[in-house]
N, C-alpha and C. Protein backbone atom coordinates (compact mmCIF):
# COMPACT_ATOMS: atom_id res chain seq x y z
N MET A 1 218.47 104.84 13.78
CA MET A 1 217.37 103.89 13.68
C MET A 1 216.66 104.12 12.34
N SER A 2 216.40 103.04 11.62
CA SER A 2 215.75 103.15 10.31
C SER A 2 214.25 103.45 10.46
N GLU A 3 213.65 103.89 9.38
CA GLU A 3 212.20 104.15 9.39
C GLU A 3 211.42 102.87 9.68
N ASP A 4 211.88 101.75 9.12
CA ASP A 4 211.20 100.47 9.38
C ASP A 4 211.24 100.15 10.87
N GLU A 5 212.39 100.33 11.50
CA GLU A 5 212.49 100.05 12.94
C GLU A 5 211.56 100.96 13.74
N LYS A 6 211.50 102.24 13.36
CA LYS A 6 210.58 103.18 14.04
C LYS A 6 209.13 102.72 13.90
N GLU A 7 208.75 102.31 12.69
CA GLU A 7 207.38 101.84 12.45
C GLU A 7 207.08 100.58 13.27
N ILE A 8 208.04 99.68 13.35
CA ILE A 8 207.84 98.44 14.11
C ILE A 8 207.70 98.75 15.60
N ARG A 9 208.53 99.62 16.12
CA ARG A 9 208.42 100.02 17.53
C ARG A 9 207.06 100.69 17.78
N GLY A 10 206.60 101.46 16.81
CA GLY A 10 205.28 102.08 16.92
C GLY A 10 204.17 101.04 16.93
N LEU A 11 204.31 99.99 16.13
CA LEU A 11 203.33 98.91 16.11
C LEU A 11 203.24 98.25 17.48
N ILE A 12 204.39 97.99 18.10
CA ILE A 12 204.40 97.37 19.43
C ILE A 12 203.70 98.27 20.44
N ASP A 13 204.06 99.55 20.42
CA ASP A 13 203.43 100.50 21.35
C ASP A 13 201.92 100.56 21.14
N LYS A 14 201.51 100.58 19.88
CA LYS A 14 200.08 100.64 19.55
C LYS A 14 199.37 99.37 20.03
N TRP A 15 200.00 98.21 19.82
CA TRP A 15 199.43 96.92 20.25
C TRP A 15 199.21 96.93 21.77
N LEU A 16 200.24 97.32 22.52
CA LEU A 16 200.13 97.31 23.98
C LEU A 16 199.08 98.29 24.48
N ALA A 17 199.03 99.49 23.89
CA ALA A 17 198.04 100.50 24.30
C ALA A 17 196.63 100.03 23.97
N ALA A 18 196.45 99.45 22.78
CA ALA A 18 195.12 98.97 22.38
C ALA A 18 194.67 97.81 23.26
N THR A 19 195.61 96.93 23.62
CA THR A 19 195.28 95.82 24.51
C THR A 19 194.83 96.35 25.86
N LYS A 20 195.56 97.32 26.39
CA LYS A 20 195.20 97.92 27.69
C LYS A 20 193.82 98.55 27.63
N ASP A 21 193.50 99.21 26.50
CA ASP A 21 192.23 99.89 26.34
C ASP A 21 191.08 98.97 25.95
N GLY A 22 191.39 97.69 25.70
CA GLY A 22 190.36 96.74 25.27
C GLY A 22 189.90 96.99 23.84
N ASP A 23 190.75 97.62 23.02
CA ASP A 23 190.43 97.96 21.64
C ASP A 23 190.80 96.80 20.72
N ILE A 24 189.92 95.82 20.67
CA ILE A 24 190.17 94.60 19.91
C ILE A 24 190.36 94.89 18.42
N GLU A 25 189.58 95.80 17.87
CA GLU A 25 189.67 96.08 16.43
C GLU A 25 191.04 96.62 16.04
N THR A 26 191.61 97.48 16.87
CA THR A 26 192.95 97.99 16.57
C THR A 26 193.96 96.86 16.62
N VAL A 27 193.89 96.03 17.64
CA VAL A 27 194.83 94.90 17.75
C VAL A 27 194.69 94.00 16.52
N MET A 28 193.47 93.70 16.13
CA MET A 28 193.25 92.82 14.97
C MET A 28 193.84 93.43 13.69
N SER A 29 193.82 94.76 13.59
CA SER A 29 194.34 95.43 12.39
C SER A 29 195.86 95.39 12.31
N LEU A 30 196.52 94.96 13.37
CA LEU A 30 197.98 94.95 13.41
C LEU A 30 198.56 93.58 13.07
N MET A 31 197.71 92.64 12.63
CA MET A 31 198.20 91.30 12.30
C MET A 31 197.76 90.89 10.89
N THR A 32 198.55 90.00 10.30
CA THR A 32 198.22 89.48 8.98
C THR A 32 197.00 88.56 9.09
N ASP A 33 196.35 88.31 7.96
CA ASP A 33 195.20 87.40 7.97
C ASP A 33 195.62 85.96 8.28
N ASP A 34 196.88 85.61 7.94
CA ASP A 34 197.35 84.24 8.17
C ASP A 34 198.24 84.13 9.41
N VAL A 35 198.07 85.03 10.36
CA VAL A 35 198.89 85.05 11.57
C VAL A 35 198.80 83.71 12.30
N VAL A 36 199.90 83.32 12.95
CA VAL A 36 199.93 82.10 13.76
C VAL A 36 200.57 82.46 15.11
N PHE A 37 199.88 82.07 16.17
CA PHE A 37 200.37 82.26 17.53
C PHE A 37 200.76 80.91 18.11
N LEU A 38 201.91 80.88 18.76
CA LEU A 38 202.40 79.69 19.44
C LEU A 38 202.49 80.00 20.92
N VAL A 39 201.72 79.27 21.71
CA VAL A 39 201.69 79.45 23.16
C VAL A 39 201.82 78.06 23.78
N ALA A 40 202.69 77.92 24.77
CA ALA A 40 202.92 76.62 25.41
C ALA A 40 201.62 76.01 25.91
N GLY A 41 201.46 74.72 25.67
CA GLY A 41 200.29 74.00 26.16
C GLY A 41 199.04 74.16 25.31
N THR A 42 199.16 74.86 24.19
CA THR A 42 198.01 75.12 23.32
C THR A 42 198.42 74.85 21.87
N PRO A 43 197.56 74.22 21.08
CA PRO A 43 197.91 74.07 19.67
C PRO A 43 198.03 75.45 19.01
N PRO A 44 198.84 75.58 17.95
CA PRO A 44 198.93 76.85 17.25
C PRO A 44 197.53 77.34 16.87
N PHE A 45 197.34 78.66 16.92
CA PHE A 45 196.03 79.22 16.58
C PHE A 45 196.20 80.49 15.76
N GLY A 46 195.12 80.89 15.12
CA GLY A 46 195.15 82.03 14.21
C GLY A 46 194.30 83.20 14.65
N LYS A 47 193.97 84.03 13.69
CA LYS A 47 193.29 85.30 13.92
C LYS A 47 191.89 85.11 14.51
N LYS A 48 191.16 84.14 14.01
CA LYS A 48 189.80 83.91 14.49
C LYS A 48 189.80 83.52 15.97
N GLU A 49 190.70 82.61 16.33
CA GLU A 49 190.79 82.17 17.73
C GLU A 49 191.30 83.30 18.63
N PHE A 50 192.22 84.11 18.11
CA PHE A 50 192.72 85.25 18.88
C PHE A 50 191.57 86.21 19.19
N ARG A 51 190.74 86.51 18.18
CA ARG A 51 189.60 87.40 18.39
C ARG A 51 188.66 86.83 19.44
N ARG A 52 188.34 85.56 19.33
CA ARG A 52 187.42 84.93 20.27
C ARG A 52 187.94 85.05 21.70
N SER A 53 189.21 84.76 21.89
CA SER A 53 189.81 84.86 23.22
C SER A 53 189.81 86.31 23.72
N SER A 54 190.14 87.23 22.85
CA SER A 54 190.16 88.65 23.23
C SER A 54 188.77 89.13 23.63
N GLU A 55 187.76 88.69 22.91
CA GLU A 55 186.39 89.09 23.25
C GLU A 55 185.97 88.52 24.59
N GLN A 56 186.39 87.30 24.91
CA GLN A 56 186.06 86.71 26.20
C GLN A 56 186.73 87.49 27.33
N HIS A 57 187.98 87.90 27.13
CA HIS A 57 188.68 88.69 28.15
C HIS A 57 188.02 90.06 28.31
N ALA A 58 187.61 90.67 27.20
CA ALA A 58 186.99 92.00 27.25
C ALA A 58 185.70 91.96 28.06
N ASN A 59 184.99 90.87 28.00
CA ASN A 59 183.73 90.75 28.73
C ASN A 59 183.93 90.55 30.23
N LYS A 60 185.16 90.30 30.66
CA LYS A 60 185.43 90.05 32.07
C LYS A 60 185.90 91.31 32.81
N SER A 61 185.94 92.45 32.15
CA SER A 61 186.40 93.70 32.76
C SER A 61 187.81 93.58 33.32
N LEU A 62 188.68 92.91 32.60
CA LEU A 62 190.06 92.75 33.05
C LEU A 62 190.84 94.05 32.83
N GLU A 63 191.70 94.33 33.78
CA GLU A 63 192.67 95.42 33.61
C GLU A 63 193.98 94.77 33.20
N ILE A 64 194.55 95.24 32.09
CA ILE A 64 195.77 94.64 31.57
C ILE A 64 196.88 95.68 31.55
N GLU A 65 197.98 95.34 32.18
CA GLU A 65 199.18 96.19 32.20
C GLU A 65 200.32 95.39 31.59
N SER A 66 201.07 96.02 30.69
CA SER A 66 202.19 95.34 30.03
C SER A 66 203.44 96.18 30.11
N ARG A 67 204.56 95.50 30.24
CA ARG A 67 205.88 96.13 30.14
C ARG A 67 206.64 95.36 29.08
N ASN A 68 207.26 96.10 28.16
CA ASN A 68 207.95 95.46 27.06
C ASN A 68 209.32 96.08 26.85
N GLU A 69 210.30 95.21 26.64
CA GLU A 69 211.65 95.67 26.30
C GLU A 69 212.09 94.91 25.06
N ILE A 70 212.42 95.64 24.01
CA ILE A 70 212.93 95.00 22.81
C ILE A 70 214.38 94.62 23.06
N VAL A 71 214.67 93.34 22.97
CA VAL A 71 216.03 92.83 23.17
C VAL A 71 216.79 92.86 21.84
N GLU A 72 216.08 92.49 20.78
CA GLU A 72 216.70 92.46 19.44
C GLU A 72 215.62 92.73 18.41
N LEU A 73 215.94 93.56 17.43
CA LEU A 73 215.03 93.85 16.33
C LEU A 73 215.87 93.86 15.06
N LYS A 74 215.48 93.05 14.10
CA LYS A 74 216.24 92.94 12.85
C LYS A 74 215.26 92.97 11.68
N VAL A 75 215.50 93.87 10.74
CA VAL A 75 214.70 93.97 9.52
C VAL A 75 215.47 93.32 8.39
N ILE A 76 214.80 92.42 7.66
CA ILE A 76 215.39 91.73 6.53
C ILE A 76 214.40 91.85 5.37
N ASP A 77 214.63 92.82 4.50
CA ASP A 77 213.75 93.10 3.37
C ASP A 77 212.33 93.38 3.85
N GLU A 78 211.39 92.53 3.47
CA GLU A 78 209.97 92.73 3.82
C GLU A 78 209.56 91.93 5.06
N HIS A 79 210.55 91.44 5.79
CA HIS A 79 210.30 90.70 7.03
C HIS A 79 211.14 91.29 8.15
N ALA A 80 210.73 91.04 9.36
CA ALA A 80 211.50 91.48 10.52
C ALA A 80 211.23 90.51 11.65
N TYR A 81 212.18 90.42 12.57
CA TYR A 81 211.92 89.64 13.77
C TYR A 81 212.28 90.48 14.98
N ILE A 82 211.60 90.17 16.07
CA ILE A 82 211.82 90.87 17.33
C ILE A 82 211.89 89.83 18.44
N ILE A 83 212.88 89.98 19.31
CA ILE A 83 212.89 89.25 20.57
C ILE A 83 212.55 90.27 21.63
N ASN A 84 211.48 90.03 22.35
CA ASN A 84 210.99 90.93 23.39
C ASN A 84 211.12 90.28 24.76
N LYS A 85 211.37 91.10 25.74
CA LYS A 85 211.21 90.70 27.14
C LYS A 85 209.91 91.36 27.57
N LEU A 86 208.93 90.54 27.94
CA LEU A 86 207.57 91.02 28.15
C LEU A 86 207.03 90.57 29.50
N SER A 87 206.28 91.45 30.12
CA SER A 87 205.56 91.13 31.35
C SER A 87 204.13 91.63 31.18
N VAL A 88 203.17 90.74 31.43
CA VAL A 88 201.75 91.09 31.30
C VAL A 88 201.04 90.74 32.60
N THR A 89 200.38 91.74 33.17
CA THR A 89 199.59 91.52 34.39
C THR A 89 198.12 91.69 34.04
N MET A 90 197.34 90.66 34.36
CA MET A 90 195.89 90.71 34.16
C MET A 90 195.26 90.77 35.55
N ASN A 91 194.54 91.84 35.80
CA ASN A 91 193.91 92.04 37.09
C ASN A 91 192.39 92.02 36.92
N ASP A 92 191.76 91.10 37.59
CA ASP A 92 190.30 91.01 37.59
C ASP A 92 189.87 91.64 38.93
N PRO A 93 189.45 92.92 38.91
CA PRO A 93 189.15 93.62 40.17
C PRO A 93 188.27 92.81 41.11
N GLY A 94 188.72 92.72 42.35
CA GLY A 94 187.98 91.99 43.36
C GLY A 94 188.20 90.49 43.33
N ARG A 95 188.98 90.03 42.40
CA ARG A 95 189.21 88.58 42.29
C ARG A 95 190.68 88.26 42.38
N ASN A 96 191.34 88.12 41.24
CA ASN A 96 192.76 87.75 41.30
C ASN A 96 193.59 88.58 40.33
N ARG A 97 194.88 88.54 40.57
CA ARG A 97 195.88 89.25 39.77
C ARG A 97 196.88 88.21 39.29
N ASN A 98 197.12 88.16 37.99
CA ASN A 98 197.97 87.15 37.39
C ASN A 98 199.01 87.84 36.52
N THR A 99 200.28 87.60 36.83
CA THR A 99 201.36 88.16 36.02
C THR A 99 202.12 87.03 35.35
N ARG A 100 202.35 87.20 34.05
CA ARG A 100 203.16 86.26 33.28
C ARG A 100 204.30 87.07 32.67
N ALA A 101 205.48 86.47 32.65
CA ALA A 101 206.64 87.19 32.14
C ALA A 101 207.57 86.23 31.41
N GLY A 102 208.36 86.78 30.52
CA GLY A 102 209.32 85.99 29.76
C GLY A 102 209.63 86.65 28.44
N HIS A 103 209.94 85.83 27.47
CA HIS A 103 210.33 86.34 26.16
C HIS A 103 209.33 85.93 25.08
N THR A 104 209.31 86.71 24.03
CA THR A 104 208.54 86.36 22.84
C THR A 104 209.45 86.49 21.63
N LEU A 105 209.16 85.71 20.62
CA LEU A 105 209.81 85.85 19.32
C LEU A 105 208.70 86.17 18.34
N THR A 106 208.80 87.33 17.75
CA THR A 106 207.75 87.80 16.85
C THR A 106 208.32 88.02 15.46
N ILE A 107 207.60 87.54 14.46
CA ILE A 107 207.98 87.76 13.06
C ILE A 107 206.93 88.66 12.44
N LEU A 108 207.42 89.70 11.79
CA LEU A 108 206.53 90.65 11.13
C LEU A 108 206.73 90.58 9.63
N ARG A 109 205.71 91.01 8.90
CA ARG A 109 205.78 91.04 7.44
C ARG A 109 205.22 92.38 6.99
N LYS A 110 205.87 92.98 6.01
CA LYS A 110 205.40 94.24 5.46
C LYS A 110 204.45 93.94 4.30
N GLU A 111 203.20 94.38 4.46
CA GLU A 111 202.17 94.18 3.44
C GLU A 111 201.59 95.54 3.06
N ASN A 112 201.62 95.84 1.78
CA ASN A 112 201.11 97.13 1.28
C ASN A 112 201.70 98.30 2.06
N GLY A 113 203.00 98.22 2.34
CA GLY A 113 203.71 99.30 3.01
C GLY A 113 203.50 99.39 4.50
N LYS A 114 202.82 98.41 5.10
CA LYS A 114 202.51 98.45 6.53
C LYS A 114 203.06 97.19 7.22
N TRP A 115 203.76 97.38 8.33
CA TRP A 115 204.26 96.25 9.10
C TRP A 115 203.13 95.62 9.90
N LEU A 116 203.04 94.28 9.82
CA LEU A 116 202.01 93.52 10.53
C LEU A 116 202.64 92.31 11.21
N LEU A 117 202.07 91.91 12.32
CA LEU A 117 202.51 90.72 13.03
C LEU A 117 202.06 89.49 12.26
N ALA A 118 203.00 88.59 11.95
CA ALA A 118 202.69 87.39 11.17
C ALA A 118 202.81 86.10 11.98
N ARG A 119 203.78 86.05 12.89
CA ARG A 119 203.99 84.88 13.73
C ARG A 119 204.44 85.36 15.10
N ASP A 120 203.98 84.67 16.15
CA ASP A 120 204.36 85.07 17.49
C ASP A 120 204.49 83.83 18.37
N ALA A 121 205.67 83.64 18.93
CA ALA A 121 205.91 82.56 19.87
C ALA A 121 206.03 83.18 21.25
N ASN A 122 205.07 82.89 22.09
CA ASN A 122 204.94 83.50 23.40
C ASN A 122 205.45 82.52 24.45
N LEU A 123 206.55 82.88 25.11
CA LEU A 123 207.16 82.00 26.09
C LEU A 123 206.98 82.51 27.52
N LEU A 124 205.89 83.20 27.76
CA LEU A 124 205.63 83.76 29.09
C LEU A 124 205.19 82.65 30.05
N VAL A 125 205.68 82.78 31.28
CA VAL A 125 205.34 81.84 32.33
C VAL A 125 204.88 82.63 33.55
N PRO A 126 204.18 81.99 34.48
CA PRO A 126 203.76 82.73 35.69
C PRO A 126 204.96 83.37 36.39
N ASP A 127 204.82 84.65 36.72
CA ASP A 127 205.89 85.39 37.39
C ASP A 127 205.72 85.20 38.89
N LYS A 128 206.76 84.77 39.55
CA LYS A 128 206.67 84.43 40.96
C LYS A 128 206.99 85.60 41.88
N HIS A 129 207.20 86.78 41.32
CA HIS A 129 207.52 87.96 42.15
C HIS A 129 206.28 88.60 42.68
C-alpha cells in the first residue's frame, strides 16, 4: 500500500471518528474550500451548507455510528477516488433510530501535501434491516 493510500485511509477514519464525536471543526478541515456534495433529492451543496447542517445535527444530541468498507481506492497524481460501502445510523435517544446504507463515490485532491475531500456523491438509502 502506498503512502498516499495510507493517508487517504487515515482521512476516512478521522472523518468517521470526528463525525461520531460531533467534532465539526475536524470534519471541516478534511475538505477543500470548493467541496461539492451530491445527495439524492437535494441540489448540490458546498462547505457552508455542510457546516450549517452539521451544526443543526450537533444541537440535537444525535448519536452517530458508521461502518465503512473501501471497495476501490485509486490514486492518480494529485487526485484520488474512492468507492465506499457505507452504513450510517443516527440515533436520537428516546425518539427514533435511522439507518441509511449504500455506496459513495468520493473524489479527493492533494493540496499543500494534504489529501482533502473535494467531491462526494452519496447514494445512501434507508436500510430496511
